[in-house]
Amino acid sequence: MFPLIDVSGSARERGLQHGLKARARIERSIATYARLFAYCGIDWQGAQRLGSGYRDIIGALDAALLAEIEGIAAGAGRHVNEILALNARTEILPPSYPGEPHPDRSSIAAANLKGGVPDWGECTSVAVKPAHSASGTTLLAQNWDWLGAQRAALVLLRVHDAEGASCLTLTEAGMLAKIGFNRSGFGVCLNILRSADDGTRAGVPVHVLLRALLARPSVDEAIAFAAKLGFGASSNVLCADASGATAALEFSPRGLEVIRGADAALCHTNHFLAPAAAKHQASLAPSLSTVPRLARISALTSAHQGKFSSADLERMLRDETDGFLSICRSPDPALAPEACIETVASVVMDLGARVMRLAPDVPSKVDFQPVALGETVPA
């Protein structure tokens, strides 16, 4: 299981605790992204410069989140621009990733190593309304598909702020949030998207947005909050709340498109579903398998008889029907490590019980284990 790190107190104190307790995993995150950016033609110094450009944007969104990032840097003994680069990694990556490698990637990687930087497709998500779940509560689930090397940098953060709010998130060490839920029973999943407009403007980094959303109590308030923001890159936040509301928040530099869940299950992968946004979809590498994965998870949920249990969703997330391009993704040895996407973890959240069931590897290989927002898992 991934390390469970409890952080509390002021924003600066939370960051310091995160940085101190996850220091080795933050170094792993830096190593992974330095290599990944080199694959795209960006050296680590350049990534830090790009990351620093988001400092004022984050501070304007929420000064406490910037203070927490600064605390992470201090606790981990890293420059704050390195932690900014981690939190803005989606915005720094070019929309063409994971296409062909940059011709200078080897020399950039060598320069990174000389400078002291270590060396070392994404996701399928589902939201189920309470009326269609066996527990009578909202279920929110995801396979997180990413670089297998980054699995060793993942942590569970259980955050308690000075005002009494709390959330539980599975994320990459050094980043504020990714998949998770809060005390109100509002939860988020993430699917990376790519549009032709990515990188044309600066905007709120998605991993900062996810943490800010985890301070909202409901889907409606999350939509109202996100609708006021500008974005520099594209992603989808599949969100749900304990009352049963579900929605896909597709955003890009052109703005926010919202897809409300009307059926028993709302599914998403890695391409735009809103027609207006889909017109600006960047070309996608076949290895992302986003269209067939969406077709497969939609078929599985549509064909399901009766109400969905957590075990039903776990079984669907373990589906390997399409080999290396399946919902449950094993690494394809034919691909370069920097472009080889696999399922690094799988999550099923019961937003009523405030419990996350987590498979800390390719889910067909391991069991799901419960982690609660509170100290103990409800009976």
Protein backbone atom coordinates (compact mmCIF):
# COMPACT_ATOMS: atom_id res chain seq x y z
CA MET A 1 0.00 0.00 0.00
CA PHE A 2 1.10 3.57 -0.58
CA PRO A 3 2.24 5.58 2.47
CA LEU A 4 -0.60 7.33 4.31
CA ILE A 5 0.51 10.80 5.36
CA ASP A 6 -1.58 12.88 7.75
CA VAL A 7 -1.01 16.64 7.52
CA SER A 8 -2.72 19.32 9.59
CA GLY A 9 -2.47 22.89 10.85
CA SER A 10 -1.82 26.02 8.82
CA ALA A 11 -1.09 25.85 5.10
CA ARG A 12 2.64 26.27 5.67
CA GLU A 13 2.63 23.60 8.38
CA ARG A 14 0.74 21.15 6.16
CA GLY A 15 3.27 21.67 3.39
CA LEU A 16 6.24 21.21 5.71
CA GLN A 17 4.78 17.93 7.00
CA HIS A 18 4.14 16.71 3.44
CA GLY A 19 7.66 17.64 2.33
CA LEU A 20 9.37 16.06 5.34
CA LYS A 21 7.36 12.82 5.36
CA ALA A 22 7.41 12.29 1.59
CA ARG A 23 10.89 13.60 0.83
CA ALA A 24 12.19 10.47 -0.91
CA ARG A 25 9.00 10.12 -2.98
CA ILE A 26 9.16 13.79 -3.98
CA GLU A 27 12.67 13.15 -5.29
CA ARG A 28 11.22 10.22 -7.26
CA SER A 29 8.55 12.54 -8.71
CA ILE A 30 11.23 15.01 -9.77
CA ALA A 31 13.28 12.23 -11.39
CA THR A 32 10.25 10.91 -13.29
CA TYR A 33 9.17 14.29 -14.62
CA ALA A 34 12.68 15.46 -15.47
CA ARG A 35 12.97 12.38 -17.69
CA LEU A 36 9.47 12.83 -19.11
CA PHE A 37 10.04 16.50 -19.92
CA ALA A 38 13.37 15.57 -21.56
CA TYR A 39 11.42 13.13 -23.77
CA CYS A 40 9.38 16.19 -24.84
CA GLY A 41 12.42 18.43 -25.37
CA ILE A 42 12.28 20.39 -22.09
CA ASP A 43 15.17 20.29 -19.63
CA TRP A 44 14.54 20.41 -15.87
CA GLN A 45 15.73 24.01 -15.57
CA GLY A 46 13.33 24.96 -18.34
CA ALA A 47 10.52 23.06 -16.61
CA GLN A 48 11.21 25.02 -13.43
CA ARG A 49 11.06 28.30 -15.32
CA LEU A 50 7.73 27.26 -16.80
CA GLY A 51 6.51 26.14 -13.39
CA SER A 52 7.45 29.47 -11.81
CA GLY A 53 5.09 31.18 -14.24
CA TYR A 54 2.16 29.62 -12.36
CA ARG A 55 3.15 31.00 -8.95
CA ASP A 56 1.07 34.18 -9.15
CA ILE A 57 -1.87 32.33 -10.73
CA ILE A 58 -1.94 29.86 -7.84
CA GLY A 59 -1.56 32.66 -5.30
CA ALA A 60 -4.46 34.56 -6.85
CA LEU A 61 -6.62 31.43 -6.78
CA ASP A 62 -5.83 30.62 -3.14
CA ALA A 63 -2.91 32.08 -1.18
CA ALA A 64 -3.09 29.13 1.24
CA LEU A 65 -2.42 26.63 -1.57
CA LEU A 66 0.66 28.59 -2.64
CA ALA A 67 1.83 28.65 0.99
CA GLU A 68 1.36 24.89 1.15
CA ILE A 69 3.47 24.43 -2.01
CA GLU A 70 6.18 26.62 -0.48
CA GLY A 71 6.00 24.50 2.66
CA ILE A 72 6.39 21.28 0.64
CA ALA A 73 9.54 22.70 -0.97
CA ALA A 74 11.00 23.73 2.39
CA GLY A 75 10.18 20.39 4.02
CA ALA A 76 11.66 18.39 1.13
CA GLY A 77 14.71 20.61 0.75
CA ARG A 78 13.87 21.50 -2.85
CA HIS A 79 13.53 24.79 -4.70
CA VAL A 80 9.95 26.02 -4.78
CA ASN A 81 10.07 26.15 -8.61
CA GLU A 82 10.60 22.38 -8.63
CA ILE A 83 7.40 21.85 -6.65
CA LEU A 84 5.58 24.35 -8.87
CA ALA A 85 6.77 22.37 -11.92
CA LEU A 86 5.37 19.16 -10.41
CA ASN A 87 2.00 20.75 -9.72
CA ALA A 88 1.90 22.23 -13.24
CA ARG A 89 3.17 19.08 -14.98
CA THR A 90 0.00 18.72 -17.09
CA GLU A 91 0.32 22.31 -18.28
CA ILE A 92 4.04 21.96 -19.05
CA LEU A 93 3.64 18.77 -21.10
CA PRO A 94 3.00 19.59 -24.78
CA PRO A 95 -0.38 18.55 -26.24
CA SER A 96 1.43 16.12 -28.56
CA TYR A 97 2.55 13.89 -25.65
CA PRO A 98 2.94 10.86 -25.79
CA GLY A 99 3.86 11.14 -29.46
CA GLU A 100 7.32 10.83 -30.96
CA PRO A 101 10.26 11.67 -28.69
CA HIS A 102 12.10 14.96 -29.14
CA PRO A 103 15.34 14.47 -31.12
CA ASP A 104 17.40 16.06 -28.33
CA ARG A 105 15.95 13.98 -25.51
CA SER A 106 19.18 12.02 -24.86
CA SER A 107 21.39 15.11 -24.59
CA ILE A 108 18.78 16.86 -22.40
CA ALA A 109 18.57 13.83 -20.08
CA ALA A 110 22.37 13.74 -19.86
CA ALA A 111 22.50 17.45 -18.99
CA ASN A 112 19.83 16.92 -16.33
CA LEU A 113 21.90 14.13 -14.79
CA LYS A 114 25.04 16.28 -14.86
CA GLY A 115 23.07 19.02 -13.13
CA GLY A 116 22.19 16.70 -10.25
CA VAL A 117 18.69 15.62 -11.31
CA PRO A 118 18.32 11.84 -10.75
CA ASP A 119 17.19 9.53 -13.53
CA TRP A 120 15.13 6.77 -12.88
CA GLY A 121 -2.80 7.97 -21.63
CA GLU A 122 -4.32 8.03 -18.85
CA CYS A 123 -7.54 7.04 -17.18
CA THR A 124 -10.97 5.41 -17.13
CA SER A 125 -13.49 6.80 -14.64
CA VAL A 126 -17.08 6.01 -13.60
CA ALA A 127 -19.66 7.72 -11.36
CA VAL A 128 -22.76 5.83 -10.12
CA LYS A 129 -25.82 7.51 -8.57
CA PRO A 130 -27.18 6.29 -5.19
CA ALA A 131 -30.41 4.95 -6.72
CA HIS A 132 -28.32 2.54 -8.79
CA SER A 133 -25.77 1.45 -6.16
CA ALA A 134 -26.17 -1.53 -3.87
CA SER A 135 -25.17 0.55 -0.84
CA GLY A 136 -27.62 3.35 -1.66
CA THR A 137 -24.69 5.78 -1.75
CA THR A 138 -22.82 7.53 -4.57
CA LEU A 139 -19.89 5.55 -5.99
CA LEU A 140 -16.99 7.17 -7.86
CA ALA A 141 -14.25 5.03 -9.39
CA GLN A 142 -11.16 5.29 -11.57
CA ASN A 143 -8.22 3.44 -13.04
CA TRP A 144 -5.32 5.89 -12.92
CA ASP A 145 -3.16 5.11 -15.95
CA TRP A 146 0.24 6.76 -16.02
CA LEU A 147 3.98 6.02 -16.08
CA GLY A 148 4.71 2.84 -14.16
CA ALA A 149 7.91 4.33 -12.73
CA GLN A 150 5.82 6.94 -10.93
CA ARG A 151 4.00 4.33 -8.84
CA ALA A 152 6.93 4.49 -6.42
CA ALA A 153 6.21 8.20 -5.87
CA LEU A 154 2.53 7.91 -4.96
CA VAL A 155 1.17 8.82 -1.53
CA LEU A 156 -2.16 9.06 0.23
CA LEU A 157 -2.62 12.48 1.82
CA ARG A 158 -5.15 12.88 4.60
CA VAL A 159 -5.45 16.63 5.03
CA HIS A 160 -6.97 18.46 8.01
CA ASP A 161 -6.87 22.24 7.78
CA ALA A 162 -7.00 24.81 10.57
CA GLU A 163 -10.70 25.49 9.91
CA GLY A 164 -11.73 21.86 10.43
CA ALA A 165 -12.14 20.83 6.77
CA SER A 166 -10.59 17.54 5.68
CA CYS A 167 -10.02 15.44 2.57
CA LEU A 168 -8.32 12.22 1.49
CA THR A 169 -6.47 12.16 -1.82
CA LEU A 170 -4.28 9.72 -3.73
CA THR A 171 -1.64 11.86 -5.42
CA GLU A 172 1.97 12.11 -6.51
CA ALA A 173 4.41 13.19 -3.81
CA GLY A 174 4.89 16.94 -3.99
CA MET A 175 1.50 17.57 -5.63
CA LEU A 176 -1.47 19.02 -3.79
CA ALA A 177 -4.12 16.50 -4.91
CA LYS A 178 -5.48 14.15 -7.54
CA ILE A 179 -8.16 11.49 -6.91
CA GLY A 180 -10.08 11.85 -3.67
CA PHE A 181 -13.02 13.06 -1.61
CA ASN A 182 -13.74 15.38 1.28
CA ARG A 183 -15.64 15.44 4.56
CA SER A 184 -18.82 16.60 2.78
CA GLY A 185 -18.84 13.50 0.54
CA PHE A 186 -17.79 15.36 -2.60
CA GLY A 187 -15.25 13.47 -4.74
CA VAL A 188 -13.10 13.96 -7.84
CA CYS A 189 -11.40 11.81 -10.47
CA LEU A 190 -9.13 13.05 -13.28
CA ASN A 191 -8.84 12.26 -16.99
CA ILE A 192 -6.17 14.12 -18.94
CA LEU A 193 -7.47 15.64 -22.19
CA ARG A 194 -5.60 17.36 -25.00
CA SER A 195 -6.78 20.25 -27.15
CA ALA A 196 -5.06 22.17 -29.92
CA ASP A 197 -5.20 25.26 -27.67
CA ASP A 198 -3.18 23.80 -24.80
CA GLY A 199 -0.19 25.94 -23.92
CA THR A 200 -1.48 29.06 -25.66
CA ARG A 201 -2.20 30.82 -22.36
CA ALA A 202 -1.47 30.46 -18.68
CA GLY A 203 -4.19 29.26 -16.34
CA VAL A 204 -4.91 27.40 -13.13
CA PRO A 205 -2.93 24.10 -13.04
CA VAL A 206 -5.23 21.09 -12.89
CA HIS A 207 -3.60 19.55 -9.82
CA VAL A 208 -4.06 22.82 -7.95
CA LEU A 209 -7.65 22.97 -9.19
CA LEU A 210 -8.32 19.46 -7.84
CA ARG A 211 -7.25 20.51 -4.34
CA ALA A 212 -9.34 23.67 -4.57
CA LEU A 213 -12.33 21.60 -5.67
CA LEU A 214 -11.87 19.34 -2.66
CA ALA A 215 -12.76 22.37 -0.56
CA ARG A 216 -16.25 22.49 -2.20
CA PRO A 217 -19.21 20.62 -0.65
CA SER A 218 -21.07 19.62 -3.81
CA VAL A 219 -21.04 19.17 -7.58
CA ASP A 220 -23.05 22.36 -8.09
CA GLU A 221 -20.61 24.45 -6.06
CA ALA A 222 -17.66 22.85 -7.85
CA ILE A 223 -19.14 23.80 -11.22
CA ALA A 224 -19.82 27.36 -10.06
CA PHE A 225 -16.25 27.66 -8.78
CA ALA A 226 -14.58 26.20 -11.89
CA ALA A 227 -16.71 28.26 -14.28
CA LYS A 228 -15.00 31.45 -13.06
CA LEU A 229 -11.47 30.23 -13.81
CA GLY A 230 -9.15 30.21 -16.80
CA PHE A 231 -7.07 27.18 -17.77
CA GLY A 232 -3.82 26.67 -19.65
CA ALA A 233 -4.30 22.99 -20.47
CA SER A 234 -7.16 20.53 -20.85
CA SER A 235 -8.49 17.90 -18.49
CA ASN A 236 -11.72 16.35 -17.30
CA VAL A 237 -12.73 16.21 -13.65
CA LEU A 238 -15.37 13.55 -13.15
CA CYS A 239 -17.04 14.55 -9.90
CA ALA A 240 -19.89 13.39 -7.70
CA ASP A 241 -21.32 14.07 -4.28
CA ALA A 242 -23.10 12.20 -1.52
CA SER A 243 -26.48 13.64 -2.58
CA GLY A 244 -26.20 11.80 -5.92
CA ALA A 245 -25.20 14.58 -8.31
CA THR A 246 -22.63 13.58 -10.95
CA ALA A 247 -20.93 15.61 -13.68
CA ALA A 248 -17.95 15.65 -16.02
CA LEU A 249 -16.16 19.01 -15.98
CA GLU A 250 -14.28 19.22 -19.29
CA PHE A 251 -12.05 22.27 -19.40
CA SER A 252 -9.52 23.72 -21.81
CA PRO A 253 -8.08 27.17 -22.59
CA ARG A 254 -11.43 27.85 -24.31
CA GLY A 255 -13.35 27.41 -21.05
CA LEU A 256 -15.51 24.89 -19.21
CA GLU A 257 -18.04 22.42 -20.63
CA VAL A 258 -20.23 20.44 -18.22
CA ILE A 259 -21.75 17.04 -18.96
CA ARG A 260 -24.36 16.02 -16.40
CA GLY A 261 -24.88 12.38 -15.55
CA ALA A 262 -28.35 11.30 -16.69
CA ASP A 263 -27.97 7.49 -16.69
CA ALA A 264 -27.09 5.11 -13.87
CA ALA A 265 -23.37 5.50 -14.63
CA LEU A 266 -21.46 8.42 -16.12
CA CYS A 267 -18.21 7.27 -17.77
CA HIS A 268 -15.22 9.15 -19.17
CA THR A 269 -11.79 8.44 -20.64
CA ASN A 270 -9.32 10.76 -22.41
CA HIS A 271 -11.16 12.59 -25.16
CA PHE A 272 -13.72 15.40 -25.11
CA LEU A 273 -17.38 14.40 -25.07
CA ALA A 274 -18.86 17.91 -25.29
CA PRO A 275 -19.38 18.62 -29.03
CA ALA A 276 -18.06 22.19 -28.89
CA ALA A 277 -14.84 21.16 -27.18
CA ALA A 278 -14.39 18.05 -29.34
CA LYS A 279 -13.90 20.29 -32.39
CA HIS A 280 -10.55 21.35 -30.91
CA GLN A 281 -9.39 17.90 -29.81
CA ALA A 282 -5.66 17.37 -30.38
CA SER A 283 -4.64 14.23 -32.24
CA LEU A 284 -4.33 11.27 -29.89
CA ALA A 285 -1.73 8.51 -29.95
CA PRO A 286 -3.34 5.10 -30.57
CA SER A 287 -1.60 3.82 -27.42
CA LEU A 288 -3.96 5.96 -25.32
CA SER A 289 -6.88 3.73 -26.49
CA THR A 290 -9.32 6.33 -25.21
CA VAL A 291 -12.15 5.61 -27.66
CA PRO A 292 -12.21 1.81 -27.25
CA ARG A 293 -11.83 2.12 -23.47
CA LEU A 294 -14.84 4.42 -23.28
CA ALA A 295 -16.83 2.03 -25.48
CA ARG A 296 -15.86 -0.90 -23.27
CA ILE A 297 -16.62 0.71 -19.88
CA SER A 298 -19.89 2.07 -21.28
CA ALA A 299 -20.84 -1.40 -22.51
CA LEU A 300 -19.98 -2.98 -19.16
CA THR A 301 -21.99 -0.46 -17.15
CA SER A 302 -24.95 -0.49 -19.56
CA ALA A 303 -25.15 -4.29 -19.52
CA HIS A 304 -24.94 -4.54 -15.75
CA GLN A 305 -27.98 -6.14 -14.17
CA GLY A 306 -29.20 -4.87 -10.81
CA LYS A 307 -27.48 -2.30 -8.65
CA PHE A 308 -23.76 -1.59 -8.69
CA SER A 309 -21.63 -2.63 -5.74
CA SER A 310 -18.04 -1.61 -5.13
CA ALA A 311 -17.07 -5.15 -6.09
CA ASP A 312 -18.88 -4.75 -9.43
CA LEU A 313 -16.86 -1.62 -10.22
CA GLU A 314 -13.65 -3.32 -9.12
CA ARG A 315 -14.38 -6.17 -11.55
CA MET A 316 -15.01 -3.72 -14.41
CA LEU A 317 -11.77 -1.86 -13.65
CA ARG A 318 -9.93 -5.19 -13.90
CA ASP A 319 -11.18 -5.78 -17.47
CA GLU A 320 -8.33 -6.85 -19.79
CA THR A 321 -10.38 -7.68 -22.90
CA ASP A 322 -8.26 -5.54 -25.25
CA GLY A 323 -4.78 -6.55 -24.14
CA PHE A 324 -2.37 -3.64 -23.66
CA LEU A 325 -5.14 -1.19 -24.65
CA SER A 326 -7.64 -2.42 -22.03
CA ILE A 327 -9.37 -0.61 -19.18
CA CYS A 328 -6.90 -2.45 -16.93
CA ARG A 329 -3.58 -1.60 -18.55
CA SER A 330 -0.38 -3.60 -18.25
CA PRO A 331 2.84 -2.07 -19.63
CA ASP A 332 3.50 -2.64 -23.33
CA PRO A 333 7.21 -3.59 -23.70
CA ALA A 334 7.19 -2.33 -27.31
CA LEU A 335 6.87 1.30 -26.13
CA ALA A 336 9.56 3.62 -24.79
CA PRO A 337 9.43 3.92 -20.98
CA GLU A 338 8.49 7.61 -21.27
CA ALA A 339 5.46 6.75 -23.42
CA CYS A 340 4.47 3.44 -21.82
CA ILE A 341 1.21 3.92 -19.95
CA GLU A 342 -0.06 1.40 -17.41
CA THR A 343 -2.54 1.37 -14.54
CA VAL A 344 -0.53 2.60 -11.56
CA ALA A 345 -3.48 2.37 -9.15
CA SER A 346 -7.23 1.78 -9.10
CA VAL A 347 -9.74 3.48 -6.80
CA VAL A 348 -13.39 2.93 -5.88
CA MET A 349 -14.83 5.59 -3.54
CA ASP A 350 -18.03 5.28 -1.51
CA LEU A 351 -18.90 8.93 -1.00
CA GLY A 352 -21.59 8.15 1.56
CA ALA A 353 -19.30 6.07 3.77
CA ARG A 354 -16.30 8.37 3.06
CA VAL A 355 -14.18 5.31 2.24
CA MET A 356 -11.73 4.73 -0.60
CA ARG A 357 -10.99 1.19 -1.76
CA LEU A 358 -7.54 1.23 -3.36
CA ALA A 359 -5.58 -1.25 -5.48
CA PRO A 360 -1.94 -0.05 -5.33
CA ASP A 361 -0.84 -1.64 -8.63
CA VAL A 362 -2.36 -2.98 -11.85
CA PRO A 363 -5.71 -4.00 -10.30
CA SER A 364 -5.80 -7.46 -11.90
CA LYS A 365 -2.69 -8.28 -9.85
CA VAL A 366 -3.67 -7.06 -6.36
CA ASP A 367 -6.59 -6.77 -3.95
CA PHE A 368 -8.44 -3.55 -3.20
CA GLN A 369 -7.87 -2.31 0.36
CA PRO A 370 -10.06 0.18 2.30
CA VAL A 371 -8.78 3.56 3.48
CA ALA A 372 -11.09 5.88 5.40
CA LEU A 373 -11.16 9.64 5.76
CA GLY A 374 -11.53 9.02 9.49
CA GLU A 375 -9.12 6.91 11.50
CA THR A 376 -11.14 3.72 11.05
CA VAL A 377 -13.17 2.15 8.26
CA PRO A 378 -16.91 2.10 9.05
CA ALA A 379 -18.30 -1.38 9.72
